[in-house]
Amino acid sequence: GRFCSPRRIGVETSCMASSQCATESCECTSTATSSSTQLVPVQPAPSRTRPRVRGKVSRAIPDEIKNNAELNACIAQLPKNYNFEVHKTIHRIRQDDAKCVGLQLPEGLLLFATLLSEIIEQFTSATTVIMGDVTYGACCIDDLTAQSLGVDLLVHYGHSCLVKISDVVIPVMYVFVEISIDVDHFVEMVTNNIPAENKVVMISTIQFVQSLRVAAKQLEAHFKNPITIPQARPLSGGEVLGCTSPKLDEKAHDCIIYLGDGRFHLESIMIHNPSLPAFRYDPYNKILSSEKYDHEYMQSLRKTAIDTAKQAKKFGVVLGTLGRQGSLRIVQRLKAILEERKLAYHVVLLSELFPAKLAMFKDVDAWVQVACPRLSIDWGYAFDKPLLTPYEFEVAVGTVDWKPTYPMDNYSKEGGSWANYTPKGYDIP
């Protein structure tokens, strides 16, 4: 969440099996509660311009970089199961002849920023700038700030290419930071706890997608039906975001298996497919758990916020400025709808939303935020005035109907009129 709150809705976890984490360098915490209902424990195996094009770029990393003993010794100081693609980064910097390289990492990887900076500066002629502002996800890529700092290549770690290379103002290199896990243990846990007759869906975050595919291949011998690895374009196959997930044929599947730590991303596909049971395998503590979400409670909160907003005479429209989180196109659509209905409004730019901040605007009756839908879904109840998503706003003003299944399609190519990547026809209310 974006602020401290005593309660987050929808969280319920039931532990199925556990074992000690074999990776001493990994630390993970969870807000979900767990019980000790053990099933089959298994011991683990030991001015806007397009990016510059500098002619033909060779993807092959030269042997002088791959086999550089001094460089490899430096890389060895990083966790062995985290792939920071250092050789590729050094090659890209040299090919681009980049003079100033920006490094942007999410909070969980920020502790490696200084080492990565030192390696880059030692083995290239570039200086580095560490982008220390909070980075929640791929939507927070901060190419605009990097450009203002004189950065000519931005390396964004830990997320997929949600914002296209063609849409950023400086050259960007995405490093997924794939994390190797104990795939055999994951497969064994699933095999011993999920019936072979089940028609399963397997999803993950980008760090574990490769391990997910390896595991799915091994699990073909266990399950009697084909395993589904869905895709919500433009995301990678099997990838899920906290705001974007595939809409499944719930009658054609029996359960979802999620590989990853935490619940934030898993909750997205649970909200989008409420009738499917969900299981989460945490690769750090090696627990397979049954996960629950209180859909009825969440929807009742959101409907109450929408009903209250229907009486509003003045709206506040928040455009998120944290990286590329906000969408000017969506804001323009919301403004057009408000003006058509002769409703007063103010546009407010904010990098992060806090209840105390919005409470300062005492004459605003309701808010609609174009930043992160989960701010409203998870934390909207903590704000004094309704804090709607663009979808909820359109329900409130009557341009769309309330959907029995809450949509999680913020970046989906098949998203509604309220989403980022939708047909241009939706721009006209």
Foldseek 3Di string as FASTA:
>chain_A
DQDDDPDWAFAEWEFAEFEAFLDPVDDADEPHDYDDNYDDYDYADNVFDAADDDPDDDQDQDCCLVVVPVLVVLVVVDDPQWCQVLSSVLSVCVSVVWAEEEEEEAPVCVVCVVSSQVSNVVRHNHHYDYPPPHDDALLQAALVVCVVVVGQEYEYEQYDPLPPSRRHRHHYHYHNGAGDFRLVLVLVVCLRPPAQAFAEEEAEASNCVVSRVVSQVVCVVRHPDRYHQDDQPPDDGRHFDLQADDQDPLVVGAAYEYEEPYCSRVVLVCLNRVVHWYWYQHRRRRIIITITTDNVVLVVVLVVQLVQCLPWQEEEEEAAPNHNQGDVLLVLLVVLLCVVVVGHYHYHYDNDDDQVVVVVPVNHQAYEYRGGQVCQSTPQVVHPHGYHYSVSNCCSSVVDPDDPRDDSHQSGCPDDLRHDNYDPVSSHD
